[in-house]
Amino acid sequence: MSDMTETTPGWLTTDDLEQARARMPILYVEAVPVRVDDSGEVTSVGLLLRIGPDGTVSRTLVSGRVLHHERVRDALMRNLEKDLGPVALPRIPAAPQPFTVAEYFPTQGITPYHDPRQHAVSLAYVVPVTGDCRPRQDALDLVWFSPQEAVSEAVQSEMPGGHGVLLKQALAHLGCAV
């Protein structure tokens, strides 16, 4: 018996993942990528542009599952690299304490967060990035918004499932006047 644990992205088959989603909450990490100036003030917020399975275009945050036997810090780095590219140069906090815990339910209205596939619990972080961000995987683009633009009605209307609420919480946590 090997003492190595498999933590590759395919740790569950599609069928196994669907069964797990139907029976228990799944742990996720979410990240709000930000650019900060020399004094630590947020100057811009990065939002991914994605096309959903139904063909709708939306803006989202960096998000992904925590794999079996994977540390939260490692899951955060892996998902940031997956969505922003290998040279985004994210600065993971020394103490990886989330600014909030978002609970996604398949039933709308229980919390502001909704995911029709599953009940999920997400640890949410604000992560400064200093490098060159180039979206990968299923993201079409990464657009940088000022904090004021990010909470505008136009941008918020493009953020499904409660990501707009999560973004507002992140900016409030940072003390951004929006």
Protein backbone atom coordinates (compact mmCIF):
# COMPACT_ATOMS: atom_id res chain seq x y z
CA MET A 1 0.00 0.00 0.00
CA SER A 2 1.42 3.38 -1.00
CA ASP A 3 1.62 6.25 1.47
CA MET A 4 1.23 8.76 -1.38
CA THR A 5 -2.21 10.32 -1.80
CA GLU A 6 -3.50 11.21 -5.24
CA THR A 7 -4.51 14.90 -5.43
CA THR A 8 -4.67 15.48 -9.16
CA PRO A 9 -7.65 17.49 -10.47
CA GLY A 10 -9.40 14.26 -11.51
CA TRP A 11 -9.56 12.84 -8.00
CA LEU A 12 -13.22 11.93 -8.52
CA THR A 13 -14.80 10.73 -11.71
CA THR A 14 -17.64 12.85 -13.07
CA ASP A 15 -20.18 10.32 -11.78
CA ASP A 16 -18.51 10.10 -8.36
CA LEU A 17 -18.47 13.89 -8.09
CA GLU A 18 -22.18 14.10 -8.95
CA GLN A 19 -22.96 11.50 -6.29
CA ALA A 20 -20.85 13.32 -3.69
CA ARG A 21 -22.49 16.66 -4.56
CA ALA A 22 -25.91 15.07 -4.02
CA ARG A 23 -25.00 13.74 -0.58
CA MET A 24 -22.65 16.18 1.18
CA PRO A 25 -21.29 19.72 1.07
CA ILE A 26 -18.16 20.18 -1.02
CA LEU A 27 -15.33 22.46 0.20
CA TYR A 28 -14.21 25.26 -2.12
CA VAL A 29 -11.86 28.23 -2.00
CA GLU A 30 -12.66 31.51 -3.71
CA ALA A 31 -10.29 34.38 -4.31
CA VAL A 32 -10.83 38.03 -5.13
CA PRO A 33 -7.67 39.04 -7.03
CA VAL A 34 -6.66 42.63 -6.34
CA ARG A 35 -3.92 45.05 -7.27
CA VAL A 36 -2.70 47.30 -4.48
CA ASP A 37 -0.58 50.45 -4.43
CA ASP A 38 2.55 50.99 -2.31
CA SER A 39 0.45 51.88 0.74
CA GLY A 40 -1.65 48.71 0.46
CA GLU A 41 -4.79 50.42 -0.86
CA VAL A 42 -6.77 48.41 -3.40
CA THR A 43 -6.54 50.07 -6.81
CA SER A 44 -8.29 47.41 -8.88
CA VAL A 45 -10.21 44.15 -8.67
CA GLY A 46 -9.84 41.36 -11.24
CA LEU A 47 -12.97 39.61 -12.48
CA LEU A 48 -12.99 36.65 -14.84
CA LEU A 49 -15.23 36.60 -17.88
CA ARG A 50 -16.66 33.11 -18.48
CA ILE A 51 -19.21 31.39 -20.67
CA GLY A 52 -21.45 29.02 -18.71
CA PRO A 53 -22.66 25.62 -19.86
CA ASP A 54 -25.91 27.24 -20.97
CA GLY A 55 -24.05 29.81 -23.10
CA THR A 56 -24.51 32.78 -20.77
CA VAL A 57 -21.60 35.16 -20.28
CA SER A 58 -20.85 36.17 -16.70
CA ARG A 59 -18.20 37.67 -14.46
CA THR A 60 -16.86 35.50 -11.65
CA LEU A 61 -14.18 35.23 -9.02
CA VAL A 62 -11.40 32.67 -8.90
CA SER A 63 -13.01 29.53 -7.51
CA GLY A 64 -12.30 25.84 -7.19
CA ARG A 65 -12.58 22.73 -5.05
CA VAL A 66 -10.18 21.72 -2.32
CA LEU A 67 -8.93 18.29 -3.31
CA HIS A 68 -8.59 15.29 -1.04
CA HIS A 69 -5.47 15.59 1.14
CA GLU A 70 -4.74 19.12 -0.09
CA ARG A 71 -4.01 22.04 2.24
CA VAL A 72 -6.26 25.08 1.85
CA ARG A 73 -3.18 27.21 1.06
CA ASP A 74 -2.21 24.80 -1.74
CA ALA A 75 -5.78 24.74 -3.10
CA LEU A 76 -5.81 28.52 -3.20
CA MET A 77 -2.49 28.64 -5.10
CA ARG A 78 -3.56 25.90 -7.52
CA ASN A 79 -6.86 27.58 -8.36
CA LEU A 80 -5.25 31.03 -8.71
CA GLU A 81 -2.69 29.58 -11.12
CA LYS A 82 -5.40 27.63 -12.97
CA ASP A 83 -7.51 30.75 -13.53
CA LEU A 84 -4.91 33.56 -13.71
CA GLY A 85 -1.91 31.81 -15.21
CA PRO A 86 1.48 30.73 -13.88
CA VAL A 87 3.01 34.22 -13.61
CA ALA A 88 0.21 36.03 -11.76
CA LEU A 89 2.45 36.05 -8.67
CA PRO A 90 -0.28 35.87 -6.02
CA ARG A 91 0.66 36.81 -2.45
CA ILE A 92 -1.12 34.30 -0.23
CA PRO A 93 -1.62 35.70 3.27
CA ALA A 94 0.80 34.37 5.92
CA ALA A 95 -2.24 33.41 8.02
CA PRO A 96 -4.75 31.97 5.54
CA GLN A 97 -7.86 33.12 7.40
CA PRO A 98 -10.80 33.76 5.05
CA PHE A 99 -12.62 37.09 5.15
CA THR A 100 -15.87 35.11 5.09
CA VAL A 101 -17.35 31.66 4.63
CA ALA A 102 -19.94 31.51 1.86
CA GLU A 103 -22.52 28.73 1.96
CA TYR A 104 -23.92 27.86 -1.47
CA PHE A 105 -27.21 25.93 -1.62
CA PRO A 106 -28.96 24.31 -4.57
CA THR A 107 -32.18 25.97 -3.35
CA GLN A 108 -32.31 29.72 -3.94
CA GLY A 109 -33.08 32.08 -1.07
CA ILE A 110 -31.47 30.26 1.87
CA THR A 111 -28.37 32.47 1.59
CA PRO A 112 -27.37 35.01 -1.06
CA TYR A 113 -25.21 32.26 -2.62
CA HIS A 114 -26.67 29.73 -5.03
CA ASP A 115 -25.20 26.80 -6.93
CA PRO A 116 -27.82 24.59 -8.59
CA ARG A 117 -25.41 21.62 -8.64
CA GLN A 118 -24.70 21.26 -4.95
CA HIS A 119 -24.43 22.39 -1.37
CA ALA A 120 -20.96 23.92 -1.11
CA VAL A 121 -19.01 25.68 1.59
CA SER A 122 -16.47 28.19 0.31
CA LEU A 123 -13.61 29.85 2.15
CA ALA A 124 -13.22 33.31 0.58
CA TYR A 125 -9.94 35.24 0.41
CA VAL A 126 -8.65 38.52 -0.95
CA VAL A 127 -5.34 37.88 -2.71
CA PRO A 128 -3.06 40.61 -4.05
CA VAL A 129 -1.43 39.70 -7.36
CA THR A 130 1.60 41.47 -8.78
CA GLY A 131 2.41 39.57 -11.95
CA ASP A 132 1.04 39.22 -15.44
CA CYS A 133 -2.42 37.64 -15.30
CA ARG A 134 -3.53 35.67 -18.32
CA PRO A 135 -6.74 33.71 -17.87
CA ARG A 136 -6.63 30.00 -18.55
CA GLN A 137 -8.97 27.03 -18.51
CA ASP A 138 -12.56 28.10 -19.23
CA ALA A 139 -12.10 31.85 -18.63
CA LEU A 140 -12.29 34.09 -21.68
CA ASP A 141 -10.71 37.16 -20.16
CA LEU A 142 -9.68 38.89 -16.95
CA VAL A 143 -10.79 42.50 -16.62
CA TRP A 144 -9.51 44.88 -13.94
CA PHE A 145 -12.09 47.24 -12.43
CA SER A 146 -11.73 50.01 -9.89
CA PRO A 147 -13.51 49.10 -6.63
CA GLN A 148 -16.25 51.59 -7.54
CA GLU A 149 -16.74 50.06 -10.99
CA ALA A 150 -16.74 46.52 -9.53
CA VAL A 151 -19.75 47.28 -7.32
CA SER A 152 -21.64 49.19 -10.00
CA GLU A 153 -25.06 47.91 -10.99
CA ALA A 154 -23.81 47.02 -14.48
CA VAL A 155 -20.98 44.77 -13.24
CA GLN A 156 -22.99 43.30 -10.35
CA SER A 157 -25.76 42.26 -12.74
CA GLU A 158 -23.22 40.09 -14.61
CA MET A 159 -22.21 38.15 -11.47
CA PRO A 160 -24.48 35.14 -10.85
CA GLY A 161 -24.86 32.89 -7.83
CA GLY A 162 -23.98 35.50 -5.23
CA HIS A 163 -20.49 36.37 -6.46
CA GLY A 164 -21.51 40.03 -6.54
CA VAL A 165 -22.45 39.85 -2.85
CA LEU A 166 -19.14 38.14 -2.08
CA LEU A 167 -17.24 40.84 -3.97
CA LYS A 168 -19.01 43.57 -1.98
CA GLN A 169 -18.14 41.75 1.25
CA ALA A 170 -14.49 41.54 0.21
CA LEU A 171 -14.30 45.26 -0.54
CA ALA A 172 -16.04 46.11 2.74
CA HIS A 173 -13.57 43.85 4.57
CA LEU A 174 -10.74 45.84 3.00
CA GLY A 175 -12.28 49.15 4.05
CA CYS A 176 -12.87 50.32 0.49
CA ALA A 177 -15.29 53.23 0.32
CA VAL A 178 -17.67 52.11 -2.40
